[in-house]
Amino acid sequence: MKRRILAIAVFGIAVAGWSAAVEVGSNSAATSRPPLFKDSRQSIAVARAQGRDHVVVLLVAEEGLADALADAATRLGGDIRYRDDDAGYLRVRVPIDRASELADPKRLGVPVTATAATAHWR
């Protein structure tokens, strides 16, 4: 009986600790999330290792801001490979050192809904 009470107590403490950690982690992650997710950063690292000097960044602007996003992309040295104004979608070939900057809405000054980087398209 004592083991059962101890097990329930330990489980309760673990669940409480986990939920508190998730709550704290979600708040800090929302404010300090990198502009590119892990797989995109990995693609950039692979491109660097292969000696490539450009990568392709996929961007989706908030509604009505595709022009501003395209201007910001070209200002950073990007070459727009595909653009769909209806969806606010851009595929931009950019120098590898500017990829993170292009994906960061704070640096761009344009709200970006989604970003991804790939080294596979030219």
PDB file of N, CA and C in Angstrom:
ATOM      1  N   MET A   1       0.813  -1.189   0.000  1.00  0.00           N
ATOM      2  CA  MET A   1       0.000   0.000   0.000  1.00  0.00           C
ATOM      3  C   MET A   1       0.864   1.264   0.000  1.00  0.00           C
ATOM      4  N   LYS A   2       1.942   1.248   0.801  1.00  0.00           N
ATOM      5  CA  LYS A   2       2.829   2.405   0.855  1.00  0.00           C
ATOM      6  C   LYS A   2       3.520   2.622  -0.485  1.00  0.00           C
ATOM      7  N   ARG A   3       3.884   1.520  -1.162  1.00  0.00           N
ATOM      8  CA  ARG A   3       4.513   1.643  -2.479  1.00  0.00           C
ATOM      9  C   ARG A   3       3.573   2.302  -3.479  1.00  0.00           C
ATOM     10  N   ARG A   4       2.329   1.920  -3.408  1.00  0.00           N
ATOM     11  CA  ARG A   4       1.344   2.467  -4.339  1.00  0.00           C
ATOM     12  C   ARG A   4       1.171   3.971  -4.106  1.00  0.00           C
ATOM     13  N   ILE A   5       1.082   4.376  -2.860  1.00  0.00           N
ATOM     14  CA  ILE A   5       0.945   5.797  -2.533  1.00  0.00           C
ATOM     15  C   ILE A   5       2.195   6.546  -2.969  1.00  0.00           C
ATOM     16  N   LEU A   6       3.360   5.968  -2.731  1.00  0.00           N
ATOM     17  CA  LEU A   6       4.611   6.587  -3.145  1.00  0.00           C
ATOM     18  C   LEU A   6       4.679   6.716  -4.664  1.00  0.00           C
ATOM     19  N   ALA A   7       4.286   5.671  -5.377  1.00  0.00           N
ATOM     20  CA  ALA A   7       4.299   5.704  -6.838  1.00  0.00           C
ATOM     21  C   ALA A   7       3.361   6.778  -7.370  1.00  0.00           C
ATOM     22  N   ILE A   8       2.168   6.892  -6.795  1.00  0.00           N
ATOM     23  CA  ILE A   8       1.214   7.904  -7.229  1.00  0.00           C
ATOM     24  C   ILE A   8       1.758   9.300  -6.942  1.00  0.00           C
ATOM     25  N   ALA A   9       2.396   9.480  -5.788  1.00  0.00           N
ATOM     26  CA  ALA A   9       2.963  10.778  -5.427  1.00  0.00           C
ATOM     27  C   ALA A   9       4.083  11.163  -6.383  1.00  0.00           C
ATOM     28  N   VAL A  10       4.970  10.219  -6.688  1.00  0.00           N
ATOM     29  CA  VAL A  10       6.079  10.493  -7.607  1.00  0.00           C
ATOM     30  C   VAL A  10       5.540  10.823  -8.993  1.00  0.00           C
ATOM     31  N   PHE A  11       4.537  10.059  -9.444  1.00  0.00           N
ATOM     32  CA  PHE A  11       3.936  10.314 -10.744  1.00  0.00           C
ATOM     33  C   PHE A  11       3.312  11.712 -10.781  1.00  0.00           C
ATOM     34  N   GLY A  12       2.607  12.081  -9.734  1.00  0.00           N
ATOM     35  CA  GLY A  12       1.979  13.405  -9.666  1.00  0.00           C
ATOM     36  C   GLY A  12       2.995  14.522  -9.700  1.00  0.00           C
ATOM     37  N   ILE A  13       4.084  14.352  -8.972  1.00  0.00           N
ATOM     38  CA  ILE A  13       5.147  15.368  -8.967  1.00  0.00           C
ATOM     39  C   ILE A  13       5.794  15.467 -10.340  1.00  0.00           C
ATOM     40  N   ALA A  14       6.015  14.311 -10.980  1.00  0.00           N
ATOM     41  CA  ALA A  14       6.624  14.304 -12.317  1.00  0.00           C
ATOM     42  C   ALA A  14       5.729  15.007 -13.326  1.00  0.00           C
ATOM     43  N   VAL A  15       4.436  14.726 -13.290  1.00  0.00           N
ATOM     44  CA  VAL A  15       3.494  15.362 -14.220  1.00  0.00           C
ATOM     45  C   VAL A  15       3.442  16.865 -13.970  1.00  0.00           C
ATOM     46  N   ALA A  16       3.399  17.273 -12.711  1.00  0.00           N
ATOM     47  CA  ALA A  16       3.358  18.700 -12.383  1.00  0.00           C
ATOM     48  C   ALA A  16       4.632  19.399 -12.863  1.00  0.00           C
ATOM     49  N   GLY A  17       5.768  18.768 -12.645  1.00  0.00           N
ATOM     50  CA  GLY A  17       7.037  19.336 -13.100  1.00  0.00           C
ATOM     51  C   GLY A  17       7.110  19.426 -14.608  1.00  0.00           C
ATOM     52  N   TRP A  18       6.627  18.377 -15.290  1.00  0.00           N
ATOM     53  CA  TRP A  18       6.652  18.375 -16.747  1.00  0.00           C
ATOM     54  C   TRP A  18       5.754  19.464 -17.310  1.00  0.00           C
ATOM     55  N   SER A  19       4.563  19.613 -16.765  1.00  0.00           N
ATOM     56  CA  SER A  19       3.642  20.629 -17.293  1.00  0.00           C
ATOM     57  C   SER A  19       4.183  22.027 -17.047  1.00  0.00           C
ATOM     58  N   ALA A  20       4.833  22.241 -15.919  1.00  0.00           N
ATOM     59  CA  ALA A  20       5.433  23.549 -15.648  1.00  0.00           C
ATOM     60  C   ALA A  20       6.580  23.815 -16.622  1.00  0.00           C
ATOM     61  N   ALA A  21       7.376  22.788 -16.911  1.00  0.00           N
ATOM     62  CA  ALA A  21       8.490  22.944 -17.850  1.00  0.00           C
ATOM     63  C   ALA A  21       7.983  23.226 -19.254  1.00  0.00           C
ATOM     64  N   VAL A  22       6.913  22.558 -19.658  1.00  0.00           N
ATOM     65  CA  VAL A  22       6.344  22.797 -20.986  1.00  0.00           C
ATOM     66  C   VAL A  22       5.823  24.222 -21.082  1.00  0.00           C
ATOM     67  N   GLU A  23       5.168  24.707 -20.041  1.00  0.00           N
ATOM     68  CA  GLU A  23       4.625  26.061 -20.054  1.00  0.00           C
ATOM     69  C   GLU A  23       5.746  27.086 -20.140  1.00  0.00           C
ATOM     70  N   VAL A  24       6.785  26.924 -19.320  1.00  0.00           N
ATOM     71  CA  VAL A  24       7.916  27.841 -19.354  1.00  0.00           C
ATOM     72  C   VAL A  24       8.634  27.734 -20.680  1.00  0.00           C
ATOM     73  N   GLY A  25       8.853  26.519 -21.170  1.00  0.00           N
ATOM     74  CA  GLY A  25       9.551  26.313 -22.427  1.00  0.00           C
ATOM     75  C   GLY A  25       8.809  26.903 -23.605  1.00  0.00           C
ATOM     76  N   SER A  26       7.494  26.806 -23.606  1.00  0.00           N
ATOM     77  CA  SER A  26       6.737  27.346 -24.733  1.00  0.00           C
ATOM     78  C   SER A  26       6.805  28.863 -24.770  1.00  0.00           C
ATOM     79  N   ASN A  27       6.833  29.502 -23.618  1.00  0.00           N
ATOM     80  CA  ASN A  27       6.940  30.956 -23.598  1.00  0.00           C
ATOM     81  C   ASN A  27       8.300  31.411 -24.089  1.00  0.00           C
ATOM     82  N   SER A  28       9.361  30.765 -23.653  1.00  0.00           N
ATOM     83  CA  SER A  28      10.688  31.179 -24.081  1.00  0.00           C
ATOM     84  C   SER A  28      10.941  30.804 -25.529  1.00  0.00           C
ATOM     85  N   ALA A  29      10.378  29.693 -25.990  1.00  0.00           N
ATOM     86  CA  ALA A  29      10.571  29.286 -27.375  1.00  0.00           C
ATOM     87  C   ALA A  29       9.875  30.252 -28.323  1.00  0.00           C
ATOM     88  N   ALA A  30       8.735  30.783 -27.919  1.00  0.00           N
ATOM     89  CA  ALA A  30       8.001  31.692 -28.788  1.00  0.00           C
ATOM     90  C   ALA A  30       8.762  32.998 -28.988  1.00  0.00           C
ATOM     91  N   THR A  31       9.491  33.437 -27.988  1.00  0.00           N
ATOM     92  CA  THR A  31      10.200  34.696 -28.101  1.00  0.00           C
ATOM     93  C   THR A  31      11.593  34.537 -28.693  1.00  0.00           C
ATOM     94  N   SER A  32      12.179  33.352 -28.600  1.00  0.00           N
ATOM     95  CA  SER A  32      13.549  33.196 -29.071  1.00  0.00           C
ATOM     96  C   SER A  32      13.694  32.138 -30.157  1.00  0.00           C
ATOM     97  N   ARG A  33      12.607  31.814 -30.862  1.00  0.00           N
ATOM     98  CA  ARG A  33      12.673  30.819 -31.918  1.00  0.00           C
ATOM     99  C   ARG A  33      13.548  31.333 -33.058  1.00  0.00           C
ATOM    100  N   PRO A  34      14.475  30.519 -33.522  1.00  0.00           N
ATOM    101  CA  PRO A  34      15.289  30.955 -34.655  1.00  0.00           C
ATOM    102  C   PRO A  34      14.420  31.111 -35.898  1.00  0.00           C
ATOM    103  N   PRO A  35      14.853  31.962 -36.839  1.00  0.00           N
ATOM    104  CA  PRO A  35      14.031  32.207 -38.015  1.00  0.00           C
ATOM    105  C   PRO A  35      13.857  30.975 -38.908  1.00  0.00           C
ATOM    106  N   LEU A  36      14.794  30.062 -38.866  1.00  0.00           N
ATOM    107  CA  LEU A  36      14.704  28.825 -39.647  1.00  0.00           C
ATOM    108  C   LEU A  36      14.659  27.628 -38.717  1.00  0.00           C
ATOM    109  N   PHE A  37      13.827  26.658 -39.067  1.00  0.00           N
ATOM    110  CA  PHE A  37      13.756  25.447 -38.266  1.00  0.00           C
ATOM    111  C   PHE A  37      15.014  24.607 -38.457  1.00  0.00           C
ATOM    112  N   LYS A  38      15.135  23.600 -37.633  1.00  0.00           N
ATOM    113  CA  LYS A  38      16.322  22.753 -37.584  1.00  0.00           C
ATOM    114  C   LYS A  38      16.661  22.128 -38.939  1.00  0.00           C
ATOM    115  N   ASP A  39      15.662  21.628 -39.661  1.00  0.00           N
ATOM    116  CA  ASP A  39      15.943  20.985 -40.942  1.00  0.00           C
ATOM    117  C   ASP A  39      16.452  21.985 -41.973  1.00  0.00           C
ATOM    118  N   SER A  40      15.965  23.210 -41.915  1.00  0.00           N
ATOM    119  CA  SER A  40      16.450  24.236 -42.830  1.00  0.00           C
ATOM    120  C   SER A  40      17.877  24.650 -42.489  1.00  0.00           C
ATOM    121  N   ARG A  41      18.157  24.769 -41.207  1.00  0.00           N
ATOM    122  CA  ARG A  41      19.540  25.088 -40.801  1.00  0.00           C
ATOM    123  C   ARG A  41      20.483  23.967 -41.203  1.00  0.00           C
ATOM    124  N   GLN A  42      20.001  22.720 -41.137  1.00  0.00           N
ATOM    125  CA  GLN A  42      20.812  21.588 -41.560  1.00  0.00           C
ATOM    126  C   GLN A  42      21.087  21.659 -43.062  1.00  0.00           C
ATOM    127  N   SER A  43      20.088  22.016 -43.847  1.00  0.00           N
ATOM    128  CA  SER A  43      20.276  22.150 -45.292  1.00  0.00           C
ATOM    129  C   SER A  43      21.328  23.206 -45.612  1.00  0.00           C
ATOM    130  N   ILE A  44      21.309  24.295 -44.869  1.00  0.00           N
ATOM    131  CA  ILE A  44      22.308  25.343 -45.079  1.00  0.00           C
ATOM    132  C   ILE A  44      23.692  24.833 -44.695  1.00  0.00           C
ATOM    133  N   ALA A  45      23.790  24.096 -43.602  1.00  0.00           N
ATOM    134  CA  ALA A  45      25.084  23.540 -43.184  1.00  0.00           C
ATOM    135  C   ALA A  45      25.618  22.562 -44.230  1.00  0.00           C
ATOM    136  N   VAL A  46      24.743  21.745 -44.791  1.00  0.00           N
ATOM    137  CA  VAL A  46      25.159  20.806 -45.841  1.00  0.00           C
ATOM    138  C   VAL A  46      25.642  21.578 -47.063  1.00  0.00           C
ATOM    139  N   ALA A  47      24.917  22.622 -47.431  1.00  0.00           N
ATOM    140  CA  ALA A  47      25.319  23.437 -48.584  1.00  0.00           C
ATOM    141  C   ALA A  47      26.686  24.076 -48.355  1.00  0.00           C
ATOM    142  N   ARG A  48      26.928  24.552 -47.142  1.00  0.00           N
ATOM    143  CA  ARG A  48      28.254  25.113 -46.818  1.00  0.00           C
ATOM    144  C   ARG A  48      29.340  24.051 -46.954  1.00  0.00           C
ATOM    145  N   ALA A  49      29.051  22.864 -46.436  1.00  0.00           N
ATOM    146  CA  ALA A  49      30.035  21.777 -46.503  1.00  0.00           C
ATOM    147  C   ALA A  49      30.312  21.371 -47.945  1.00  0.00           C
ATOM    148  N   GLN A  50      29.331  21.499 -48.810  1.00  0.00           N
ATOM    149  CA  GLN A  50      29.511  21.167 -50.220  1.00  0.00           C
ATOM    150  C   GLN A  50      30.158  22.301 -51.007  1.00  0.00           C
ATOM    151  N   GLY A  51      30.399  23.412 -50.348  1.00  0.00           N
ATOM    152  CA  GLY A  51      31.049  24.540 -51.001  1.00  0.00           C
ATOM    153  C   GLY A  51      30.116  25.415 -51.819  1.00  0.00           C
ATOM    154  N   ARG A  52      28.828  25.266 -51.626  1.00  0.00           N
ATOM    155  CA  ARG A  52      27.875  26.095 -52.371  1.00  0.00           C
ATOM    156  C   ARG A  52      27.873  27.516 -51.816  1.00  0.00           C
ATOM    157  N   ASP A  53      27.609  28.467 -52.695  1.00  0.00           N
ATOM    158  CA  ASP A  53      27.577  29.848 -52.243  1.00  0.00           C
ATOM    159  C   ASP A  53      26.164  30.423 -52.199  1.00  0.00           C
ATOM    160  N   HIS A  54      25.163  29.663 -52.683  1.00  0.00           N
ATOM    161  CA  HIS A  54      23.766  30.094 -52.646  1.00  0.00           C
ATOM    162  C   HIS A  54      22.871  28.964 -52.157  1.00  0.00           C
ATOM    163  N   VAL A  55      21.762  29.336 -51.551  1.00  0.00           N
ATOM    164  CA  VAL A  55      20.701  28.389 -51.187  1.00  0.00           C
ATOM    165  C   VAL A  55      19.377  29.006 -51.627  1.00  0.00           C
ATOM    166  N   VAL A  56      18.346  28.197 -51.594  1.00  0.00           N
ATOM    167  CA  VAL A  56      17.013  28.680 -51.932  1.00  0.00           C
ATOM    168  C   VAL A  56      16.202  28.773 -50.647  1.00  0.00           C
ATOM    169  N   VAL A  57      15.565  29.917 -50.442  1.00  0.00           N
ATOM    170  CA  VAL A  57      14.719  30.132 -49.284  1.00  0.00           C
ATOM    171  C   VAL A  57      13.285  30.270 -49.784  1.00  0.00           C
ATOM    172  N   LEU A  58      12.389  29.525 -49.167  1.00  0.00           N
ATOM    173  CA  LEU A  58      10.967  29.570 -49.498  1.00  0.00           C
ATOM    174  C   LEU A  58      10.274  30.427 -48.453  1.00  0.00           C
ATOM    175  N   LEU A  59       9.502  31.394 -48.893  1.00  0.00           N
ATOM    176  CA  LEU A  59       8.869  32.348 -47.981  1.00  0.00           C
ATOM    177  C   LEU A  59       7.388  32.493 -48.302  1.00  0.00           C
ATOM    178  N   VAL A  60       6.588  32.655 -47.275  1.00  0.00           N
ATOM    179  CA  VAL A  60       5.179  32.978 -47.446  1.00  0.00           C
ATOM    180  C   VAL A  60       4.913  34.244 -46.643  1.00  0.00           C
ATOM    181  N   ALA A  61       4.507  35.293 -47.348  1.00  0.00           N
ATOM    182  CA  ALA A  61       4.226  36.576 -46.702  1.00  0.00           C
ATOM    183  C   ALA A  61       2.788  36.604 -46.218  1.00  0.00           C
ATOM    184  N   GLU A  62       2.538  37.467 -45.268  1.00  0.00           N
ATOM    185  CA  GLU A  62       1.160  37.687 -44.852  1.00  0.00           C
ATOM    186  C   GLU A  62       0.406  38.334 -46.007  1.00  0.00           C
ATOM    187  N   GLU A  63      -0.895  38.210 -45.980  1.00  0.00           N
ATOM    188  CA  GLU A  63      -1.738  38.652 -47.089  1.00  0.00           C
ATOM    189  C   GLU A  63      -1.473  40.117 -47.452  1.00  0.00           C
ATOM    190  N   GLY A  64      -1.253  40.347 -48.732  1.00  0.00           N
ATOM    191  CA  GLY A  64      -1.046  41.688 -49.251  1.00  0.00           C
ATOM    192  C   GLY A  64       0.366  42.221 -49.119  1.00  0.00           C
ATOM    193  N   LEU A  65       1.294  41.424 -48.590  1.00  0.00           N
ATOM    194  CA  LEU A  65       2.656  41.912 -48.373  1.00  0.00           C
ATOM    195  C   LEU A  65       3.697  41.238 -49.255  1.00  0.00           C
ATOM    196  N   ALA A  66       3.263  40.579 -50.321  1.00  0.00           N
ATOM    197  CA  ALA A  66       4.202  39.884 -51.200  1.00  0.00           C
ATOM    198  C   ALA A  66       5.161  40.864 -51.876  1.00  0.00           C
ATOM    199  N   ASP A  67       4.676  42.047 -52.260  1.00  0.00           N
ATOM    200  CA  ASP A  67       5.548  43.037 -52.898  1.00  0.00           C
ATOM    201  C   ASP A  67       6.651  43.501 -51.952  1.00  0.00           C
ATOM    202  N   ALA A  68       6.275  43.791 -50.721  1.00  0.00           N
ATOM    203  CA  ALA A  68       7.262  44.239 -49.730  1.00  0.00           C
ATOM    204  C   ALA A  68       8.280  43.145 -49.452  1.00  0.00           C
ATOM    205  N   LEU A  69       7.817  41.890 -49.397  1.00  0.00           N
ATOM    206  CA  LEU A  69       8.732  40.771 -49.168  1.00  0.00           C
ATOM    207  C   LEU A  69       9.676  40.593 -50.351  1.00  0.00           C
ATOM    208  N   ALA A  70       9.159  40.732 -51.559  1.00  0.00           N
ATOM    209  CA  ALA A  70      10.006  40.626 -52.749  1.00  0.00           C
ATOM    210  C   ALA A  70      11.052  41.730 -52.777  1.00  0.00           C
ATOM    211  N   ASP A  71      10.665  42.946 -52.412  1.00  0.00           N
ATOM    212  CA  ASP A  71      11.622  44.057 -52.353  1.00  0.00           C
ATOM    213  C   ASP A  71      12.709  43.792 -51.320  1.00  0.00           C
ATOM    214  N   ALA A  72      12.312  43.288 -50.156  1.00  0.00           N
ATOM    215  CA  ALA A  72      13.288  42.977 -49.107  1.00  0.00           C
ATOM    216  C   ALA A  72      14.228  41.873 -49.552  1.00  0.00           C
ATOM    217  N   ALA A  73      13.712  40.879 -50.259  1.00  0.00           N
ATOM    218  CA  ALA A  73      14.540  39.772 -50.737  1.00  0.00           C
ATOM    219  C   ALA A  73      15.571  40.252 -51.746  1.00  0.00           C
ATOM    220  N   THR A  74      15.173  41.095 -52.676  1.00  0.00           N
ATOM    221  CA  THR A  74      16.128  41.605 -53.667  1.00  0.00           C
ATOM    222  C   THR A  74      17.126  42.554 -53.018  1.00  0.00           C
ATOM    223  N   ARG A  75      16.698  43.284 -52.001  1.00  0.00           N
ATOM    224  CA  ARG A  75      17.606  44.182 -51.277  1.00  0.00           C
ATOM    225  C   ARG A  75      18.731  43.387 -50.600  1.00  0.00           C
ATOM    226  N   LEU A  76      18.444  42.151 -50.192  1.00  0.00           N
ATOM    227  CA  LEU A  76      19.455  41.312 -49.546  1.00  0.00           C
ATOM    228  C   LEU A  76      20.278  40.506 -50.557  1.00  0.00           C
ATOM    229  N   GLY A  77      20.107  40.802 -51.828  1.00  0.00           N
ATOM    230  CA  GLY A  77      20.888  40.110 -52.846  1.00  0.00           C
ATOM    231  C   GLY A  77      20.233  38.850 -53.367  1.00  0.00           C
ATOM    232  N   GLY A  78      18.955  38.688 -53.081  1.00  0.00           N
ATOM    233  CA  GLY A  78      18.240  37.496 -53.531  1.00  0.00           C
ATOM    234  C   GLY A  78      17.760  37.617 -54.959  1.00  0.00           C
ATOM    235  N   ASP A  79      17.660  36.477 -55.613  1.00  0.00           N
ATOM    236  CA  ASP A  79      17.148  36.386 -56.974  1.00  0.00           C
ATOM    237  C   ASP A  79      15.832  35.617 -56.898  1.00  0.00           C
ATOM    238  N   ILE A  80      14.723  36.274 -57.200  1.00  0.00           N
ATOM    239  CA  ILE A  80      13.418  35.633 -57.082  1.00  0.00           C
ATOM    240  C   ILE A  80      13.256  34.642 -58.229  1.00  0.00           C
ATOM    241  N   ARG A  81      13.140  33.357 -57.870  1.00  0.00           N
ATOM    242  CA  ARG A  81      13.018  32.284 -58.851  1.00  0.00           C
ATOM    243  C   ARG A  81      11.566  31.984 -59.188  1.00  0.00           C
ATOM    244  N   TYR A  82      10.669  32.151 -58.223  1.00  0.00           N
ATOM    245  CA  TYR A  82       9.248  31.928 -58.461  1.00  0.00           C
ATOM    246  C   TYR A  82       8.465  32.806 -57.508  1.00  0.00           C
ATOM    247  N   ARG A  83       7.343  33.298 -57.996  1.00  0.00           N
ATOM    248  CA  ARG A  83       6.521  34.192 -57.180  1.00  0.00           C
ATOM    249  C   ARG A  83       5.049  33.943 -57.489  1.00  0.00           C
ATOM    250  N   ASP A  84       4.254  33.801 -56.447  1.00  0.00           N
ATOM    251  CA  ASP A  84       2.807  33.666 -56.587  1.00  0.00           C
ATOM    252  C   ASP A  84       2.166  34.682 -55.653  1.00  0.00           C
ATOM    253  N   ASP A  85       1.722  35.785 -56.223  1.00  0.00           N
ATOM    254  CA  ASP A  85       1.167  36.872 -55.415  1.00  0.00           C
ATOM    255  C   ASP A  85      -0.143  36.493 -54.738  1.00  0.00           C
ATOM    256  N   ASP A  86      -0.928  35.619 -55.364  1.00  0.00           N
ATOM    257  CA  ASP A  86      -2.194  35.211 -54.750  1.00  0.00           C
ATOM    258  C   ASP A  86      -1.960  34.504 -53.416  1.00  0.00           C
ATOM    259  N   ALA A  87      -0.914  33.684 -53.365  1.00  0.00           N
ATOM    260  CA  ALA A  87      -0.601  32.953 -52.134  1.00  0.00           C
ATOM    261  C   ALA A  87       0.422  33.679 -51.272  1.00  0.00           C
ATOM    262  N   GLY A  88       1.074  34.703 -51.819  1.00  0.00           N
ATOM    263  CA  GLY A  88       2.126  35.404 -51.090  1.00  0.00           C
ATOM    264  C   GLY A  88       3.398  34.590 -50.992  1.00  0.00           C
ATOM    265  N   TYR A  89       3.604  33.677 -51.959  1.00  0.00           N
ATOM    266  CA  TYR A  89       4.718  32.718 -51.929  1.00  0.00           C
ATOM    267  C   TYR A  89       5.876  33.214 -52.782  1.00  0.00           C
ATOM    268  N   LEU A  90       7.085  33.084 -52.244  1.00  0.00           N
ATOM    269  CA  LEU A  90       8.297  33.406 -52.984  1.00  0.00           C
ATOM    270  C   LEU A  90       9.312  32.283 -52.831  1.00  0.00           C
ATOM    271  N   ARG A  91       9.986  31.979 -53.916  1.00  0.00           N
ATOM    272  CA  ARG A  91      11.142  31.087 -53.867  1.00  0.00           C
ATOM    273  C   ARG A  91      12.328  31.941 -54.308  1.00  0.00           C
ATOM    274  N   VAL A  92      13.268  32.155 -53.386  1.00  0.00           N
ATOM    275  CA  VAL A  92      14.337  33.113 -53.600  1.00  0.00           C
ATOM    276  C   VAL A  92      15.697  32.422 -53.474  1.00  0.00           C
ATOM    277  N   ARG A  93      16.533  32.578 -54.484  1.00  0.00           N
ATOM    278  CA  ARG A  93      17.923  32.111 -54.413  1.00  0.00           C
ATOM    279  C   ARG A  93      18.723  33.251 -53.794  1.00  0.00           C
ATOM    280  N   VAL A  94      19.405  32.941 -52.718  1.00  0.00           N
ATOM    281  CA  VAL A  94      20.066  33.981 -51.926  1.00  0.00           C
ATOM    282  C   VAL A  94      21.473  33.510 -51.549  1.00  0.00           C
ATOM    283  N   PRO A  95      22.427  34.454 -51.402  1.00  0.00           N
ATOM    284  CA  PRO A  95      23.749  34.053 -50.916  1.00  0.00           C
ATOM    285  C   PRO A  95      23.615  33.343 -49.566  1.00  0.00           C
ATOM    286  N   ILE A  96      24.399  32.305 -49.381  1.00  0.00           N
ATOM    287  CA  ILE A  96      24.261  31.437 -48.212  1.00  0.00           C
ATOM    288  C   ILE A  96      24.408  32.203 -46.900  1.00  0.00           C
ATOM    289  N   ASP A  97      25.213  33.246 -46.890  1.00  0.00           N
ATOM    290  CA  ASP A  97      25.416  34.016 -45.664  1.00  0.00           C
ATOM    291  C   ASP A  97      24.237  34.927 -45.333  1.00  0.00           C
ATOM    292  N   ARG A  98      23.320  35.116 -46.269  1.00  0.00           N
ATOM    293  CA  ARG A  98      22.165  35.981 -46.040  1.00  0.00           C
ATOM    294  C   ARG A  98      20.874  35.201 -45.821  1.00  0.00           C
ATOM    295  N   ALA A  99      20.934  33.861 -45.854  1.00  0.00           N
ATOM    296  CA  ALA A  99      19.725  33.035 -45.771  1.00  0.00           C
ATOM    297  C   ALA A  99      18.978  33.237 -44.457  1.00  0.00           C
ATOM    298  N   SER A 100      19.674  33.209 -43.347  1.00  0.00           N
ATOM    299  CA  SER A 100      19.010  33.395 -42.050  1.00  0.00           C
ATOM    300  C   SER A 100      18.431  34.798 -41.933  1.00  0.00           C
ATOM    301  N   GLU A 101      19.145  35.757 -42.462  1.00  0.00           N
ATOM    302  CA  GLU A 101      18.663  37.141 -42.429  1.00  0.00           C
ATOM    303  C   GLU A 101      17.388  37.289 -43.265  1.00  0.00           C
ATOM    304  N   LEU A 102      17.348  36.627 -44.413  1.00  0.00           N
ATOM    305  CA  LEU A 102      16.169  36.695 -45.268  1.00  0.00           C
ATOM    306  C   LEU A 102      14.965  36.037 -44.612  1.00  0.00           C
ATOM    307  N   ALA A 103      15.191  35.022 -43.823  1.00  0.00           N
ATOM    308  CA  ALA A 103      14.090  34.295 -43.185  1.00  0.00           C
ATOM    309  C   ALA A 103      13.608  34.953 -41.894  1.00  0.00           C
ATOM    310  N   ASP A 104      14.306  35.942 -41.407  1.00  0.00           N
ATOM    311  CA  ASP A 104      13.966  36.575 -40.129  1.00  0.00           C
ATOM    312  C   ASP A 104      13.069  37.791 -40.336  1.00  0.00           C
ATOM    313  N   PRO A 105      11.795  37.700 -39.935  1.00  0.00           N
ATOM    314  CA  PRO A 105      10.883  38.832 -40.145  1.00  0.00           C
ATOM    315  C   PRO A 105      11.310  40.105 -39.417  1.00  0.00           C
ATOM    316  N   LYS A 106      12.019  39.977 -38.302  1.00  0.00           N
ATOM    317  CA  LYS A 106      12.463  41.162 -37.561  1.00  0.00           C
ATOM    318  C   LYS A 106      13.485  41.950 -38.376  1.00  0.00           C
ATOM    319  N   ARG A 107      14.371  41.256 -39.052  1.00  0.00           N
ATOM    320  CA  ARG A 107      15.377  41.926 -39.868  1.00  0.00           C
ATOM    321  C   ARG A 107      14.787  42.437 -41.178  1.00  0.00           C
ATOM    322  N   LEU A 108      13.821  41.694 -41.722  1.00  0.00           N
ATOM    323  CA  LEU A 108      13.212  42.094 -42.988  1.00  0.00           C
ATOM    324  C   LEU A 108      12.304  43.301 -42.844  1.00  0.00           C
ATOM    325  N   GLY A 109      11.619  43.365 -41.730  1.00  0.00           N
ATOM    326  CA  GLY A 109      10.625  44.404 -41.549  1.00  0.00           C
ATOM    327  C   GLY A 109       9.297  44.055 -42.208  1.00  0.00           C
ATOM    328  N   VAL A 110       9.146  42.801 -42.625  1.00  0.00           N
ATOM    329  CA  VAL A 110       7.926  42.318 -43.271  1.00  0.00           C
ATOM    330  C   VAL A 110       7.477  41.066 -42.535  1.00  0.00           C
ATOM    331  N   PRO A 111       6.210  40.998 -42.111  1.00  0.00           N
ATOM    332  CA  PRO A 111       5.736  39.778 -41.452  1.00  0.00           C
ATOM    333  C   PRO A 111       5.762  38.585 -42.406  1.00  0.00           C
ATOM    334  N   VAL A 112       6.420  37.531 -41.985  1.00  0.00           N
ATOM    335  CA  VAL A 112       6.539  36.313 -42.791  1.00  0.00           C
ATOM    336  C   VAL A 112       5.811  35.201 -42.048  1.00  0.00           C
ATOM    337  N   THR A 113       4.950  34.486 -42.757  1.00  0.00           N
ATOM    338  CA  THR A 113       4.173  33.420 -42.148  1.00  0.00           C
ATOM    339  C   THR A 113       4.971  32.131 -42.038  1.00  0.00           C
ATOM    340  N   ALA A 114       5.714  31.777 -43.078  1.00  0.00           N
ATOM    341  CA  ALA A 114       6.452  30.516 -43.086  1.00  0.00           C
ATOM    342  C   ALA A 114       7.754  30.692 -43.839  1.00  0.00           C
ATOM    343  N   THR A 115       8.779  29.959 -43.393  1.00  0.00           N
ATOM    344  CA  THR A 115      10.076  29.989 -44.061  1.00  0.00           C
ATOM    345  C   THR A 115      10.663  28.597 -44.103  1.00  0.00           C
ATOM    346  N   ALA A 116      11.477  28.353 -45.097  1.00  0.00           N
ATOM    347  CA  ALA A 116      12.237  27.114 -45.198  1.00  0.00           C
ATOM    348  C   ALA A 116      13.415  27.383 -46.113  1.00  0.00           C
ATOM    349  N   ALA A 117      14.477  26.651 -45.912  1.00  0.00           N
ATOM    350  CA  ALA A 117      15.649  26.789 -46.775  1.00  0.00           C
ATOM    351  C   ALA A 117      16.029  25.422 -47.295  1.00  0.00           C
ATOM    352  N   THR A 118      16.505  25.399 -48.515  1.00  0.00           N
ATOM    353  CA  THR A 118      16.929  24.148 -49.115  1.00  0.00           C
ATOM    354  C   THR A 118      18.137  24.406 -50.000  1.00  0.00           C
ATOM    355  N   ALA A 119      18.969  23.406 -50.119  1.00  0.00           N
ATOM    356  CA  ALA A 119      20.144  23.506 -50.974  1.00  0.00           C
ATOM    357  C   ALA A 119      19.958  22.693 -52.246  1.00  0.00           C
ATOM    358  N   HIS A 120      18.774  22.128 -52.436  1.00  0.00           N
ATOM    359  CA  HIS A 120      18.582  21.187 -53.535  1.00  0.00           C
ATOM    360  C   HIS A 120      18.123  21.830 -54.823  1.00  0.00           C
ATOM    361  N   TRP A 121      17.472  22.991 -54.775  1.00  0.00           N
ATOM    362  CA  TRP A 121      17.021  23.655 -55.980  1.00  0.00           C
ATOM    363  C   TRP A 121      18.015  24.715 -56.360  1.00  0.00           C
ATOM    364  N   ARG A 122      18.112  24.962 -57.629  1.00  0.00           N
ATOM    365  CA  ARG A 122      19.034  26.010 -58.089  1.00  0.00           C
ATOM    366  C   ARG A 122      18.288  27.144 -58.704  1.00  0.00           C
TER     367      ARG A 122
END
